C-alpha cells in the first residue's frame, strides 16, 4: 500500500525481474526454504520462484464509492482518524 507514484509498481516489477533494478537487494523467503537474493538467482531458479509471486493491481472502480463526492473521497482518510 502507498500513495500514488511512490513506486509500488516499480518495486513489484523489480522483484519479479520484469525490469532490472539499478541498486538495492531483493530478498525473498520461499515456502519451506531459506532467504535468497532474487538478483543473484539464475533464470531457471527465478522461474520456479515466480510461481509463488503475483502482481495485484488496484481496481479504482471497486475501491472508490460512487455515492461519495470527490471531496469526500479525498478527505475520508483524514476524517477517519479524527
PDB file of N, CA and C in Angstrom:
ATOM      1  N   UNK A   1       0.839  -1.168   0.000  1.00  0.00           N
ATOM      2  CA  UNK A   1       0.000   0.000   0.000  1.00  0.00           C
ATOM      3  C   UNK A   1       0.885   1.232   0.000  1.00  0.00           C
ATOM      4  N   UNK A   2       0.349   2.298  -0.538  1.00  0.00           N
ATOM      5  CA  UNK A   2       1.090   3.545  -0.562  1.00  0.00           C
ATOM      6  C   UNK A   2       0.440   4.543  -1.477  1.00  0.00           C
ATOM      7  N   UNK A   3       0.959   5.736  -1.428  1.00  0.00           N
ATOM      8  CA  UNK A   3       0.415   6.814  -2.242  1.00  0.00           C
ATOM      9  C   UNK A   3       0.665   6.553  -3.720  1.00  0.00           C
ATOM     10  N   UNK A   4      -0.116   7.206  -4.550  1.00  0.00           N
ATOM     11  CA  UNK A   4       0.087   7.131  -5.979  1.00  0.00           C
ATOM     12  C   UNK A   4       1.461   7.707  -6.316  1.00  0.00           C
ATOM     13  N   UNK A   5       2.228   6.988  -7.107  1.00  0.00           N
ATOM     14  CA  UNK A   5       3.529   7.475  -7.534  1.00  0.00           C
ATOM     15  C   UNK A   5       4.669   7.194  -6.575  1.00  0.00           C
ATOM     16  N   UNK A   6       4.430   6.387  -5.533  1.00  0.00           N
ATOM     17  CA  UNK A   6       5.502   6.140  -4.553  1.00  0.00           C
ATOM     18  C   UNK A   6       6.401   4.978  -4.947  1.00  0.00           C
ATOM     19  N   UNK A   7       6.096   4.258  -6.037  1.00  0.00           N
ATOM     20  CA  UNK A   7       6.982   3.216  -6.514  1.00  0.00           C
ATOM     21  C   UNK A   7       6.505   1.793  -6.288  1.00  0.00           C
ATOM     22  N   UNK A   8       5.233   1.611  -5.990  1.00  0.00           N
ATOM     23  CA  UNK A   8       4.717   0.253  -5.744  1.00  0.00           C
ATOM     24  C   UNK A   8       4.884  -0.633  -6.970  1.00  0.00           C
ATOM     25  N   UNK A   9       4.488  -0.150  -8.124  1.00  0.00           N
ATOM     26  CA  UNK A   9       4.566  -0.946  -9.351  1.00  0.00           C
ATOM     27  C   UNK A   9       6.016  -1.192  -9.740  1.00  0.00           C
ATOM     28  N   UNK A  10       6.863  -0.180  -9.618  1.00  0.00           N
ATOM     29  CA  UNK A  10       8.276  -0.342  -9.949  1.00  0.00           C
ATOM     30  C   UNK A  10       8.921  -1.377  -9.040  1.00  0.00           C
ATOM     31  N   UNK A  11       8.593  -1.333  -7.758  1.00  0.00           N
ATOM     32  CA  UNK A  11       9.137  -2.314  -6.817  1.00  0.00           C
ATOM     33  C   UNK A  11       8.700  -3.723  -7.186  1.00  0.00           C
ATOM     34  N   UNK A  12       7.415  -3.890  -7.492  1.00  0.00           N
ATOM     35  CA  UNK A  12       6.906  -5.211  -7.878  1.00  0.00           C
ATOM     36  C   UNK A  12       7.581  -5.707  -9.151  1.00  0.00           C
ATOM     37  N   UNK A  13       7.775  -4.831 -10.113  1.00  0.00           N
ATOM     38  CA  UNK A  13       8.434  -5.230 -11.361  1.00  0.00           C
ATOM     39  C   UNK A  13       9.886  -5.620 -11.128  1.00  0.00           C
ATOM     40  N   UNK A  14      10.564  -4.939 -10.205  1.00  0.00           N
ATOM     41  CA  UNK A  14      11.944  -5.306  -9.865  1.00  0.00           C
ATOM     42  C   UNK A  14      11.986  -6.661  -9.180  1.00  0.00           C
ATOM     43  N   UNK A  15      11.056  -6.900  -8.277  1.00  0.00           N
ATOM     44  CA  UNK A  15      11.025  -8.175  -7.564  1.00  0.00           C
ATOM     45  C   UNK A  15      10.808  -9.325  -8.539  1.00  0.00           C
ATOM     46  N   UNK A  16       9.896  -9.147  -9.483  1.00  0.00           N
ATOM     47  CA  UNK A  16       9.612 -10.182 -10.468  1.00  0.00           C
ATOM     48  C   UNK A  16      10.643 -10.204 -11.594  1.00  0.00           C
ATOM     49  N   UNK A  17      11.560  -9.250 -11.562  1.00  0.00           N
ATOM     50  CA  UNK A  17      12.616  -9.110 -12.567  1.00  0.00           C
ATOM     51  C   UNK A  17      12.059  -8.802 -13.951  1.00  0.00           C
ATOM     52  N   UNK A  18      10.901  -8.130 -13.986  1.00  0.00           N
ATOM     53  CA  UNK A  18      10.371  -7.643 -15.258  1.00  0.00           C
ATOM     54  C   UNK A  18      11.220  -6.468 -15.735  1.00  0.00           C
ATOM     55  N   UNK A  19      11.826  -5.756 -14.782  1.00  0.00           N
ATOM     56  CA  UNK A  19      12.822  -4.732 -15.088  1.00  0.00           C
ATOM     57  C   UNK A  19      14.011  -4.983 -14.166  1.00  0.00           C
ATOM     58  N   UNK A  20      15.185  -4.576 -14.610  1.00  0.00           N
ATOM     59  CA  UNK A  20      16.387  -4.772 -13.813  1.00  0.00           C
ATOM     60  C   UNK A  20      16.525  -3.627 -12.814  1.00  0.00           C
ATOM     61  N   UNK A  21      16.662  -3.935 -11.537  1.00  0.00           N
ATOM     62  CA  UNK A  21      16.878  -2.875 -10.547  1.00  0.00           C
ATOM     63  C   UNK A  21      18.248  -2.227 -10.748  1.00  0.00           C
ATOM     64  N   UNK A  22      18.352  -0.948 -10.416  1.00  0.00           N
ATOM     65  CA  UNK A  22      19.622  -0.243 -10.557  1.00  0.00           C
ATOM     66  C   UNK A  22      20.444  -0.294  -9.276  1.00  0.00           C
ATOM     67  N   UNK A  23      19.783  -0.579  -8.145  1.00  0.00           N
ATOM     68  CA  UNK A  23      20.504  -0.707  -6.876  1.00  0.00           C
ATOM     69  C   UNK A  23      19.609  -1.427  -5.878  1.00  0.00           C
ATOM     70  N   UNK A  24      20.173  -1.752  -4.738  1.00  0.00           N
ATOM     71  CA  UNK A  24      19.408  -2.407  -3.682  1.00  0.00           C
ATOM     72  C   UNK A  24      19.425  -3.919  -3.807  1.00  0.00           C
ATOM     73  N   UNK A  25      18.711  -4.572  -2.889  1.00  0.00           N
ATOM     74  CA  UNK A  25      18.645  -6.035  -2.857  1.00  0.00           C
ATOM     75  C   UNK A  25      17.201  -6.474  -2.694  1.00  0.00           C
ATOM     76  N   UNK A  26      16.825  -7.544  -3.376  1.00  0.00           N
ATOM     77  CA  UNK A  26      15.502  -8.152  -3.256  1.00  0.00           C
ATOM     78  C   UNK A  26      15.662  -9.476  -2.531  1.00  0.00           C
ATOM     79  N   UNK A  27      15.232  -9.535  -1.287  1.00  0.00           N
ATOM     80  CA  UNK A  27      15.330 -10.765  -0.519  1.00  0.00           C
ATOM     81  C   UNK A  27      13.963 -11.423  -0.448  1.00  0.00           C
ATOM     82  N   UNK A  28      13.956 -12.736  -0.569  1.00  0.00           N
ATOM     83  CA  UNK A  28      12.697 -13.486  -0.567  1.00  0.00           C
ATOM     84  C   UNK A  28      12.896 -14.765   0.245  1.00  0.00           C
ATOM     85  N   UNK A  29      11.892 -15.103   1.034  1.00  0.00           N
ATOM     86  CA  UNK A  29      11.928 -16.350   1.799  1.00  0.00           C
ATOM     87  C   UNK A  29      10.843 -17.266   1.248  1.00  0.00           C
ATOM     88  N   UNK A  30      11.187 -18.161   0.317  1.00  0.00           N
ATOM     89  CA  UNK A  30      10.184 -19.055  -0.257  1.00  0.00           C
ATOM     90  C   UNK A  30       9.654 -20.024   0.799  1.00  0.00           C
ATOM     91  N   UNK A  31       8.486 -20.554   0.520  1.00  0.00           N
ATOM     92  CA  UNK A  31       7.880 -21.513   1.445  1.00  0.00           C
ATOM     93  C   UNK A  31       8.826 -22.663   1.723  1.00  0.00           C
ATOM     94  N   UNK A  32       9.096 -22.889   3.002  1.00  0.00           N
ATOM     95  CA  UNK A  32       9.935 -24.014   3.382  1.00  0.00           C
ATOM     96  C   UNK A  32      11.394 -23.890   2.985  1.00  0.00           C
ATOM     97  N   UNK A  33      11.837 -22.684   2.637  1.00  0.00           N
ATOM     98  CA  UNK A  33      13.227 -22.523   2.206  1.00  0.00           C
ATOM     99  C   UNK A  33      13.919 -21.416   2.969  1.00  0.00           C
ATOM    100  N   UNK A  34      15.163 -21.212   2.638  1.00  0.00           N
ATOM    101  CA  UNK A  34      15.932 -20.154   3.284  1.00  0.00           C
ATOM    102  C   UNK A  34      15.843 -18.878   2.450  1.00  0.00           C
ATOM    103  N   UNK A  35      16.245 -17.782   3.042  1.00  0.00           N
ATOM    104  CA  UNK A  35      16.189 -16.485   2.366  1.00  0.00           C
ATOM    105  C   UNK A  35      17.160 -16.478   1.190  1.00  0.00           C
ATOM    106  N   UNK A  36      16.670 -15.996   0.045  1.00  0.00           N
ATOM    107  CA  UNK A  36      17.501 -15.904  -1.155  1.00  0.00           C
ATOM    108  C   UNK A  36      17.465 -14.475  -1.677  1.00  0.00           C
ATOM    109  N   UNK A  37      18.525 -14.077  -2.347  1.00  0.00           N
ATOM    110  CA  UNK A  37      18.560 -12.775  -3.006  1.00  0.00           C
ATOM    111  C   UNK A  37      18.160 -12.978  -4.458  1.00  0.00           C
ATOM    112  N   UNK A  38      17.031 -12.399  -4.847  1.00  0.00           N
ATOM    113  CA  UNK A  38      16.469 -12.641  -6.181  1.00  0.00           C
ATOM    114  C   UNK A  38      17.402 -12.185  -7.293  1.00  0.00           C
ATOM    115  N   UNK A  39      18.158 -11.129  -7.064  1.00  0.00           N
ATOM    116  CA  UNK A  39      19.056 -10.608  -8.088  1.00  0.00           C
ATOM    117  C   UNK A  39      20.205 -11.535  -8.425  1.00  0.00           C
ATOM    118  N   UNK A  40      20.475 -12.519  -7.581  1.00  0.00           N
ATOM    119  CA  UNK A  40      21.603 -13.423  -7.818  1.00  0.00           C
ATOM    120  C   UNK A  40      21.160 -14.793  -8.336  1.00  0.00           C
ATOM    121  N   UNK A  41      19.872 -14.975  -8.530  1.00  0.00           N
ATOM    122  CA  UNK A  41      19.378 -16.276  -8.991  1.00  0.00           C
ATOM    123  C   UNK A  41      19.560 -16.440 -10.495  1.00  0.00           C
ATOM    124  N   UNK A  42      19.786 -17.683 -10.900  1.00  0.00           N
ATOM    125  CA  UNK A  42      19.799 -17.995 -12.333  1.00  0.00           C
ATOM    126  C   UNK A  42      18.366 -17.930 -12.843  1.00  0.00           C
ATOM    127  N   UNK A  43      18.175 -17.703 -14.143  1.00  0.00           N
ATOM    128  CA  UNK A  43      16.818 -17.613 -14.696  1.00  0.00           C
ATOM    129  C   UNK A  43      15.942 -18.821 -14.353  1.00  0.00           C
ATOM    130  N   UNK A  44      16.494 -20.020 -14.365  1.00  0.00           N
ATOM    131  CA  UNK A  44      15.687 -21.204 -14.053  1.00  0.00           C
ATOM    132  C   UNK A  44      15.246 -21.208 -12.586  1.00  0.00           C
ATOM    133  N   UNK A  45      16.106 -20.734 -11.691  1.00  0.00           N
ATOM    134  CA  UNK A  45      15.747 -20.661 -10.277  1.00  0.00           C
ATOM    135  C   UNK A  45      14.674 -19.602 -10.042  1.00  0.00           C
ATOM    136  N   UNK A  46      14.811 -18.475 -10.729  1.00  0.00           N
ATOM    137  CA  UNK A  46      13.826 -17.400 -10.600  1.00  0.00           C
ATOM    138  C   UNK A  46      12.473 -17.842 -11.144  1.00  0.00           C
ATOM    139  N   UNK A  47      12.477 -18.571 -12.238  1.00  0.00           N
ATOM    140  CA  UNK A  47      11.234 -19.065 -12.841  1.00  0.00           C
ATOM    141  C   UNK A  47      10.460 -19.927 -11.844  1.00  0.00           C
ATOM    142  N   UNK A  48      11.150 -20.751 -11.096  1.00  0.00           N
ATOM    143  CA  UNK A  48      10.495 -21.609 -10.102  1.00  0.00           C
ATOM    144  C   UNK A  48       9.881 -20.775  -8.986  1.00  0.00           C
ATOM    145  N   UNK A  49      10.557 -19.698  -8.569  1.00  0.00           N
ATOM    146  CA  UNK A  49      10.018 -18.849  -7.500  1.00  0.00           C
ATOM    147  C   UNK A  49       8.845 -17.995  -7.963  1.00  0.00           C
ATOM    148  N   UNK A  50       8.796 -17.667  -9.242  1.00  0.00           N
ATOM    149  CA  UNK A  50       7.709 -16.825  -9.749  1.00  0.00           C
ATOM    150  C   UNK A  50       6.340 -17.474  -9.568  1.00  0.00           C
ATOM    151  N   UNK A  51       6.311 -18.783  -9.395  1.00  0.00           N
ATOM    152  CA  UNK A  51       5.030 -19.453  -9.156  1.00  0.00           C
ATOM    153  C   UNK A  51       4.412 -19.016  -7.837  1.00  0.00           C
ATOM    154  N   UNK A  52       5.240 -18.475  -6.931  1.00  0.00           N
ATOM    155  CA  UNK A  52       4.771 -18.018  -5.629  1.00  0.00           C
ATOM    156  C   UNK A  52       4.519 -16.512  -5.596  1.00  0.00           C
ATOM    157  N   UNK A  53       4.732 -15.818  -6.710  1.00  0.00           N
ATOM    158  CA  UNK A  53       4.636 -14.359  -6.750  1.00  0.00           C
ATOM    159  C   UNK A  53       3.570 -13.914  -7.743  1.00  0.00           C
ATOM    160  N   UNK A  54       2.952 -12.780  -7.438  1.00  0.00           N
ATOM    161  CA  UNK A  54       1.950 -12.245  -8.347  1.00  0.00           C
ATOM    162  C   UNK A  54       1.768 -10.758  -8.082  1.00  0.00           C
ATOM    163  N   UNK A  55       1.662  -9.984  -9.148  1.00  0.00           N
ATOM    164  CA  UNK A  55       1.326  -8.567  -9.005  1.00  0.00           C
ATOM    165  C   UNK A  55      -0.191  -8.448  -9.001  1.00  0.00           C
ATOM    166  N   UNK A  56      -0.714  -7.696  -8.069  1.00  0.00           N
ATOM    167  CA  UNK A  56      -2.156  -7.458  -7.994  1.00  0.00           C
ATOM    168  C   UNK A  56      -2.369  -5.958  -8.114  1.00  0.00           C
ATOM    169  N   UNK A  57      -3.063  -5.556  -9.174  1.00  0.00           N
ATOM    170  CA  UNK A  57      -3.297  -4.143  -9.414  1.00  0.00           C
ATOM    171  C   UNK A  57      -4.595  -3.706  -8.752  1.00  0.00           C
ATOM    172  N   UNK A  58      -4.598  -2.490  -8.240  1.00  0.00           N
ATOM    173  CA  UNK A  58      -5.791  -1.940  -7.599  1.00  0.00           C
ATOM    174  C   UNK A  58      -6.798  -1.545  -8.663  1.00  0.00           C
ATOM    175  N   UNK A  59      -8.036  -1.911  -8.442  1.00  0.00           N
ATOM    176  CA  UNK A  59      -9.122  -1.555  -9.352  1.00  0.00           C
ATOM    177  C   UNK A  59      -9.865  -0.358  -8.762  1.00  0.00           C
ATOM    178  N   UNK A  60      -9.707   0.848  -9.352  1.00  0.00           N
ATOM    179  CA  UNK A  60     -10.347   2.027  -8.766  1.00  0.00           C
ATOM    180  C   UNK A  60     -11.876   1.947  -8.759  1.00  0.00           C
ATOM    181  N   UNK A  61     -12.457   1.144  -9.641  1.00  0.00           N
ATOM    182  CA  UNK A  61     -13.911   1.060  -9.683  1.00  0.00           C
ATOM    183  C   UNK A  61     -14.472   0.306  -8.485  1.00  0.00           C
ATOM    184  N   UNK A  62     -13.689  -0.592  -7.903  1.00  0.00           N
ATOM    185  CA  UNK A  62     -14.159  -1.300  -6.718  1.00  0.00           C
ATOM    186  C   UNK A  62     -13.656  -0.666  -5.429  1.00  0.00           C
ATOM    187  N   UNK A  63     -12.628   0.185  -5.512  1.00  0.00           N
ATOM    188  CA  UNK A  63     -12.082   0.785  -4.296  1.00  0.00           C
ATOM    189  C   UNK A  63     -12.682   2.151  -3.988  1.00  0.00           C
ATOM    190  N   UNK A  64     -13.321   2.783  -4.968  1.00  0.00           N
ATOM    191  CA  UNK A  64     -13.936   4.091  -4.746  1.00  0.00           C
ATOM    192  C   UNK A  64     -15.453   3.954  -4.680  1.00  0.00           C
ATOM    193  N   UNK A  65     -16.064   4.668  -3.756  1.00  0.00           N
ATOM    194  CA  UNK A  65     -17.510   4.630  -3.580  1.00  0.00           C
ATOM    195  C   UNK A  65     -18.155   5.649  -4.519  1.00  0.00           C
ATOM    196  N   UNK A  66     -18.946   5.203  -5.501  1.00  0.00           N
ATOM    197  CA  UNK A  66     -19.541   6.138  -6.464  1.00  0.00           C
ATOM    198  C   UNK A  66     -20.572   7.074  -5.834  1.00  0.00           C
ATOM    199  N   UNK A  67     -21.025   6.788  -4.635  1.00  0.00           N
ATOM    200  CA  UNK A  67     -22.004   7.650  -3.966  1.00  0.00           C
ATOM    201  C   UNK A  67     -21.360   8.825  -3.244  1.00  0.00           C
ATOM    202  N   UNK A  68     -20.030   8.813  -3.150  1.00  0.00           N
ATOM    203  CA  UNK A  68     -19.329   9.886  -2.452  1.00  0.00           C
ATOM    204  C   UNK A  68     -18.806  10.907  -3.456  1.00  0.00           C
ATOM    205  N   UNK A  69     -18.736  12.160  -3.017  1.00  0.00           N
ATOM    206  CA  UNK A  69     -18.168  13.205  -3.863  1.00  0.00           C
ATOM    207  C   UNK A  69     -16.647  13.070  -3.844  1.00  0.00           C
ATOM    208  N   UNK A  70     -15.996  13.714  -4.796  1.00  0.00           N
ATOM    209  CA  UNK A  70     -14.544  13.685  -4.854  1.00  0.00           C
ATOM    210  C   UNK A  70     -13.943  14.251  -3.567  1.00  0.00           C
ATOM    211  N   UNK A  71     -14.517  15.329  -3.059  1.00  0.00           N
ATOM    212  CA  UNK A  71     -14.025  15.924  -1.814  1.00  0.00           C
ATOM    213  C   UNK A  71     -14.127  14.925  -0.660  1.00  0.00           C
ATOM    214  N   UNK A  72     -15.234  14.193  -0.591  1.00  0.00           N
ATOM    215  CA  UNK A  72     -15.407  13.196   0.472  1.00  0.00           C
ATOM    216  C   UNK A  72     -14.385  12.054   0.329  1.00  0.00           C
ATOM    217  N   UNK A  73     -14.154  11.602  -0.906  1.00  0.00           N
ATOM    218  CA  UNK A  73     -13.206  10.509  -1.134  1.00  0.00           C
ATOM    219  C   UNK A  73     -11.788  10.897  -0.742  1.00  0.00           C
ATOM    220  N   UNK A  74     -11.375  12.094  -1.134  1.00  0.00           N
ATOM    221  CA  UNK A  74     -10.020  12.552  -0.839  1.00  0.00           C
ATOM    222  C   UNK A  74      -9.859  12.841   0.651  1.00  0.00           C
ATOM    223  N   UNK A  75     -10.892  13.369   1.275  1.00  0.00           N
ATOM    224  CA  UNK A  75     -10.802  13.735   2.683  1.00  0.00           C
ATOM    225  C   UNK A  75     -11.091  12.616   3.651  1.00  0.00           C
ATOM    226  N   UNK A  76     -11.644  11.498   3.173  1.00  0.00           N
ATOM    227  CA  UNK A  76     -12.038  10.408   4.071  1.00  0.00           C
ATOM    228  C   UNK A  76     -10.908   9.912   4.965  1.00  0.00           C
ATOM    229  N   UNK A  77      -9.696   9.666   4.462  1.00  0.00           N
ATOM    230  CA  UNK A  77      -8.636   9.193   5.364  1.00  0.00           C
ATOM    231  C   UNK A  77      -8.347  10.170   6.493  1.00  0.00           C
ATOM    232  N   UNK A  78      -8.426  11.470   6.215  1.00  0.00           N
ATOM    233  CA  UNK A  78      -8.168  12.480   7.243  1.00  0.00           C
ATOM    234  C   UNK A  78      -9.262  12.488   8.307  1.00  0.00           C
ATOM    235  N   UNK A  79     -10.504  12.370   7.859  1.00  0.00           N
ATOM    236  CA  UNK A  79     -11.620  12.442   8.795  1.00  0.00           C
ATOM    237  C   UNK A  79     -11.743  11.174   9.641  1.00  0.00           C
ATOM    238  N   UNK A  80     -11.315  10.056   9.127  1.00  0.00           N
ATOM    239  CA  UNK A  80     -11.490   8.796   9.865  1.00  0.00           C
ATOM    240  C   UNK A  80     -10.532   8.703  11.051  1.00  0.00           C
ATOM    241  N   UNK A  81      -9.458   9.511  11.068  1.00  0.00           N
ATOM    242  CA  UNK A  81      -8.519   9.465  12.180  1.00  0.00           C
ATOM    243  C   UNK A  81      -8.861  10.481  13.251  1.00  0.00           C
ATOM    244  N   UNK A  82      -9.781  11.372  12.960  1.00  0.00           N
ATOM    245  CA  UNK A  82     -10.120  12.439  13.923  1.00  0.00           C
ATOM    246  C   UNK A  82     -11.016  11.924  15.026  1.00  0.00           C
TER     247      UNK A  82
END
